[in-house]
């Protein structure tokens, strides 16, 4: 899923968890988008081919990314214990959304086996349309709840 969707989901989760402080909500957004930082080295190729695939995911996106999110949440918990539910839910939501919408390698680097639930279109145009629609719906839900 796209980074805007992940960020909006982080904001929505912050709202649902009763986090009203903007800096605290930003921590949730950071945890929501953190696993996609591994795409940075692959941006040129992805923009050229117009595709991000499992090949654009590094060690930080799958199993090790999940471990980083868990340890990051524990580190935040040491300083801001009230943010533990937010960091965990935002970080884990990233992996859940990606798992539902994209092929992934859940045990990478220990296994390169791809898992695809086939719940989402694979064609570039169809995927773009679905990403756009779901992002707009999530934005509408957030705006409705935030008001």
C-alpha atoms as a PDB file:
ATOM      1  CA  UNK A   1       0.000   0.000   0.000  1.00  0.00           C
ATOM      2  CA  UNK A   2       1.140   3.560  -0.491  1.00  0.00           C
ATOM      3  CA  UNK A   3       2.865   5.685   2.134  1.00  0.00           C
ATOM      4  CA  UNK A   4      -0.049   8.150   2.357  1.00  0.00           C
ATOM      5  CA  UNK A   5      -2.398   5.309   3.293  1.00  0.00           C
ATOM      6  CA  UNK A   6       0.019   4.091   5.978  1.00  0.00           C
ATOM      7  CA  UNK A   7       0.405   7.622   7.392  1.00  0.00           C
ATOM      8  CA  UNK A   8      -3.361   8.197   7.442  1.00  0.00           C
ATOM      9  CA  UNK A   9      -3.863   4.862   9.155  1.00  0.00           C
ATOM     10  CA  UNK A  10      -1.340   5.934  11.795  1.00  0.00           C
ATOM     11  CA  UNK A  11      -3.248   9.181  12.356  1.00  0.00           C
ATOM     12  CA  UNK A  12      -6.542   7.304  12.556  1.00  0.00           C
ATOM     13  CA  UNK A  13      -5.148   4.800  15.051  1.00  0.00           C
ATOM     14  CA  UNK A  14      -3.808   7.668  17.165  1.00  0.00           C
ATOM     15  CA  UNK A  15      -7.254   9.245  17.168  1.00  0.00           C
ATOM     16  CA  UNK A  16      -8.963   5.952  18.033  1.00  0.00           C
ATOM     17  CA  UNK A  17      -6.510   5.382  20.882  1.00  0.00           C
ATOM     18  CA  UNK A  18      -7.246   8.831  22.294  1.00  0.00           C
ATOM     19  CA  UNK A  19      -3.890  10.380  21.396  1.00  0.00           C
ATOM     20  CA  UNK A  20      -4.605  14.086  21.022  1.00  0.00           C
ATOM     21  CA  UNK A  21      -1.100  15.520  21.007  1.00  0.00           C
ATOM     22  CA  UNK A  22       0.276  16.250  17.542  1.00  0.00           C
ATOM     23  CA  UNK A  23       3.863  15.190  18.421  1.00  0.00           C
ATOM     24  CA  UNK A  24       2.547  11.907  19.863  1.00  0.00           C
ATOM     25  CA  UNK A  25       0.450  11.288  16.755  1.00  0.00           C
ATOM     26  CA  UNK A  26       3.544  11.910  14.614  1.00  0.00           C
ATOM     27  CA  UNK A  27       5.335   9.131  16.469  1.00  0.00           C
ATOM     28  CA  UNK A  28       2.475   6.847  15.413  1.00  0.00           C
ATOM     29  CA  UNK A  29       2.807   8.020  11.813  1.00  0.00           C
ATOM     30  CA  UNK A  30       6.548   7.350  11.938  1.00  0.00           C
ATOM     31  CA  UNK A  31       5.927   3.795  13.116  1.00  0.00           C
ATOM     32  CA  UNK A  32       3.296   3.386  10.381  1.00  0.00           C
ATOM     33  CA  UNK A  33       5.695   4.314   7.590  1.00  0.00           C
ATOM     34  CA  UNK A  34       8.996   3.109   9.076  1.00  0.00           C
ATOM     35  CA  UNK A  35       9.067  -0.247   7.237  1.00  0.00           C
ATOM     36  CA  UNK A  36       8.906   1.558   3.880  1.00  0.00           C
ATOM     37  CA  UNK A  37      12.168   3.399   4.508  1.00  0.00           C
ATOM     38  CA  UNK A  38      13.822   0.330   3.035  1.00  0.00           C
ATOM     39  CA  UNK A  39      12.462   1.356  -0.396  1.00  0.00           C
ATOM     40  CA  UNK A  40      14.791   4.371  -0.587  1.00  0.00           C
ATOM     41  CA  UNK A  41      17.720   2.524  -2.264  1.00  0.00           C
ATOM     42  CA  UNK A  42      15.301   1.139  -4.881  1.00  0.00           C
ATOM     43  CA  UNK A  43      13.492   4.397  -5.720  1.00  0.00           C
ATOM     44  CA  UNK A  44      15.264   5.006  -9.030  1.00  0.00           C
ATOM     45  CA  UNK A  45      14.460   1.534 -10.373  1.00  0.00           C
ATOM     46  CA  UNK A  46      10.901   1.598  -9.009  1.00  0.00           C
ATOM     47  CA  UNK A  47      10.183   4.986 -10.556  1.00  0.00           C
ATOM     48  CA  UNK A  48      11.682   3.870 -13.847  1.00  0.00           C
ATOM     49  CA  UNK A  49       9.644   0.637 -13.921  1.00  0.00           C
ATOM     50  CA  UNK A  50       6.683   2.167 -12.054  1.00  0.00           C
ATOM     51  CA  UNK A  51       6.616  -0.818  -9.709  1.00  0.00           C
ATOM     52  CA  UNK A  52       7.538  -1.602  -6.157  1.00  0.00           C
ATOM     53  CA  UNK A  53       7.708  -5.348  -5.698  1.00  0.00           C
ATOM     54  CA  UNK A  54       9.016  -7.704  -3.072  1.00  0.00           C
ATOM     55  CA  UNK A  55      12.397  -7.170  -4.690  1.00  0.00           C
ATOM     56  CA  UNK A  56      12.333  -3.551  -3.459  1.00  0.00           C
ATOM     57  CA  UNK A  57      12.023  -4.723   0.116  1.00  0.00           C
ATOM     58  CA  UNK A  58      15.164  -5.159   2.132  1.00  0.00           C
ATOM     59  CA  UNK A  59      15.816  -7.036   5.334  1.00  0.00           C
ATOM     60  CA  UNK A  60      14.115  -4.185   7.184  1.00  0.00           C
ATOM     61  CA  UNK A  61      10.701  -4.720   5.647  1.00  0.00           C
ATOM     62  CA  UNK A  62       9.710  -8.234   6.492  1.00  0.00           C
ATOM     63  CA  UNK A  63      10.592 -10.261   9.580  1.00  0.00           C
ATOM     64  CA  UNK A  64      13.495  -8.075  10.723  1.00  0.00           C
ATOM     65  CA  UNK A  65      11.372  -4.962  10.172  1.00  0.00           C
ATOM     66  CA  UNK A  66       8.774  -6.441  12.468  1.00  0.00           C
ATOM     67  CA  UNK A  67      11.456  -7.046  15.089  1.00  0.00           C
ATOM     68  CA  UNK A  68      12.662  -3.439  14.696  1.00  0.00           C
ATOM     69  CA  UNK A  69       9.105  -2.180  15.198  1.00  0.00           C
ATOM     70  CA  UNK A  70       8.713  -4.291  18.337  1.00  0.00           C
ATOM     71  CA  UNK A  71      12.032  -3.170  19.827  1.00  0.00           C
ATOM     72  CA  UNK A  72      11.361   0.427  18.763  1.00  0.00           C
ATOM     73  CA  UNK A  73       8.022   0.274  20.552  1.00  0.00           C
ATOM     74  CA  UNK A  74       9.722  -1.014  23.686  1.00  0.00           C
ATOM     75  CA  UNK A  75      12.294   1.814  23.468  1.00  0.00           C
ATOM     76  CA  UNK A  76       9.535   4.428  23.141  1.00  0.00           C
ATOM     77  CA  UNK A  77       7.741   2.723  26.039  1.00  0.00           C
ATOM     78  CA  UNK A  78      10.735   3.403  28.294  1.00  0.00           C
ATOM     79  CA  UNK A  79      10.345   7.166  27.798  1.00  0.00           C
ATOM     80  CA  UNK A  80       6.648   7.526  26.906  1.00  0.00           C
ATOM     81  CA  UNK A  81       4.757   4.511  28.284  1.00  0.00           C
ATOM     82  CA  UNK A  82       1.399   5.896  27.144  1.00  0.00           C
ATOM     83  CA  UNK A  83       2.513   5.520  23.511  1.00  0.00           C
ATOM     84  CA  UNK A  84       3.132   1.755  23.571  1.00  0.00           C
ATOM     85  CA  UNK A  85      -0.332   0.838  22.211  1.00  0.00           C
ATOM     86  CA  UNK A  86       0.071   3.460  19.482  1.00  0.00           C
ATOM     87  CA  UNK A  87       3.543   2.404  18.348  1.00  0.00           C
ATOM     88  CA  UNK A  88       2.628  -1.271  18.349  1.00  0.00           C
ATOM     89  CA  UNK A  89      -0.680  -0.817  16.516  1.00  0.00           C
ATOM     90  CA  UNK A  90       0.801   1.567  13.943  1.00  0.00           C
ATOM     91  CA  UNK A  91       3.880  -0.551  13.288  1.00  0.00           C
ATOM     92  CA  UNK A  92       1.950  -3.808  13.079  1.00  0.00           C
ATOM     93  CA  UNK A  93      -0.764  -2.252  10.907  1.00  0.00           C
ATOM     94  CA  UNK A  94       1.845  -1.585   8.230  1.00  0.00           C
ATOM     95  CA  UNK A  95       2.697  -5.259   7.940  1.00  0.00           C
ATOM     96  CA  UNK A  96      -0.959  -6.336   8.024  1.00  0.00           C
ATOM     97  CA  UNK A  97      -1.976  -3.899   5.270  1.00  0.00           C
ATOM     98  CA  UNK A  98       0.979  -4.876   3.089  1.00  0.00           C
ATOM     99  CA  UNK A  99       0.262  -8.571   3.655  1.00  0.00           C
ATOM    100  CA  UNK A 100      -3.375  -8.107   2.599  1.00  0.00           C
ATOM    101  CA  UNK A 101      -2.623  -6.013  -0.482  1.00  0.00           C
ATOM    102  CA  UNK A 102       0.768  -7.092  -1.822  1.00  0.00           C
ATOM    103  CA  UNK A 103       2.853 -10.211  -2.247  1.00  0.00           C
ATOM    104  CA  UNK A 104       5.318 -10.509   0.607  1.00  0.00           C
ATOM    105  CA  UNK A 105       8.000 -12.747   2.006  1.00  0.00           C
ATOM    106  CA  UNK A 106       7.009 -12.985   5.680  1.00  0.00           C
ATOM    107  CA  UNK A 107      10.052 -14.969   6.805  1.00  0.00           C
ATOM    108  CA  UNK A 108      12.654 -13.163   4.701  1.00  0.00           C
ATOM    109  CA  UNK A 109      15.723 -13.397   5.000  1.00  0.00           C
ATOM    110  CA  UNK A 110      15.286 -16.949   6.308  1.00  0.00           C
ATOM    111  CA  UNK A 111      12.967 -17.857   3.456  1.00  0.00           C
ATOM    112  CA  UNK A 112      12.468 -16.117   0.123  1.00  0.00           C
ATOM    113  CA  UNK A 113       9.083 -17.788  -0.384  1.00  0.00           C
ATOM    114  CA  UNK A 114       6.497 -15.281  -1.591  1.00  0.00           C
ATOM    115  CA  UNK A 115       3.011 -15.276  -0.118  1.00  0.00           C
ATOM    116  CA  UNK A 116       0.205 -13.630  -2.058  1.00  0.00           C
ATOM    117  CA  UNK A 117      -3.344 -13.755  -0.743  1.00  0.00           C
ATOM    118  CA  UNK A 118      -4.636 -12.521  -4.128  1.00  0.00           C
ATOM    119  CA  UNK A 119      -7.078 -10.152  -2.422  1.00  0.00           C
ATOM    120  CA  UNK A 120      -5.911  -7.187  -4.452  1.00  0.00           C
ATOM    121  CA  UNK A 121      -5.433  -6.528  -8.162  1.00  0.00           C
ATOM    122  CA  UNK A 122      -1.933  -6.935  -9.619  1.00  0.00           C
ATOM    123  CA  UNK A 123      -2.287  -4.806 -12.737  1.00  0.00           C
ATOM    124  CA  UNK A 124      -0.590  -1.433 -12.360  1.00  0.00           C
ATOM    125  CA  UNK A 125      -3.635   0.631 -13.335  1.00  0.00           C
ATOM    126  CA  UNK A 126      -6.068  -1.406 -11.239  1.00  0.00           C
ATOM    127  CA  UNK A 127      -3.726  -1.310  -8.261  1.00  0.00           C
ATOM    128  CA  UNK A 128      -3.371   2.464  -8.595  1.00  0.00           C
ATOM    129  CA  UNK A 129      -7.155   2.877  -8.704  1.00  0.00           C
ATOM    130  CA  UNK A 130      -7.700   0.661  -5.657  1.00  0.00           C
ATOM    131  CA  UNK A 131      -4.876   2.356  -3.739  1.00  0.00           C
ATOM    132  CA  UNK A 132      -6.348   5.770  -4.563  1.00  0.00           C
ATOM    133  CA  UNK A 133      -9.897   4.794  -3.618  1.00  0.00           C
ATOM    134  CA  UNK A 134      -8.884   3.142  -0.347  1.00  0.00           C
ATOM    135  CA  UNK A 135      -6.638   6.077   0.558  1.00  0.00           C
ATOM    136  CA  UNK A 136      -9.492   8.520  -0.136  1.00  0.00           C
ATOM    137  CA  UNK A 137     -11.924   6.421   1.932  1.00  0.00           C
ATOM    138  CA  UNK A 138      -9.444   6.285   4.808  1.00  0.00           C
ATOM    139  CA  UNK A 139      -8.945  10.058   4.585  1.00  0.00           C
ATOM    140  CA  UNK A 140     -12.713  10.547   4.695  1.00  0.00           C
ATOM    141  CA  UNK A 141     -13.008   8.283   7.733  1.00  0.00           C
ATOM    142  CA  UNK A 142     -10.198  10.159   9.464  1.00  0.00           C
ATOM    143  CA  UNK A 143     -11.724  13.573   8.739  1.00  0.00           C
ATOM    144  CA  UNK A 144     -15.124  12.337   9.932  1.00  0.00           C
ATOM    145  CA  UNK A 145     -13.721  10.988  13.197  1.00  0.00           C
ATOM    146  CA  UNK A 146     -11.313  13.884  13.782  1.00  0.00           C
ATOM    147  CA  UNK A 147     -14.077  16.499  13.674  1.00  0.00           C
END
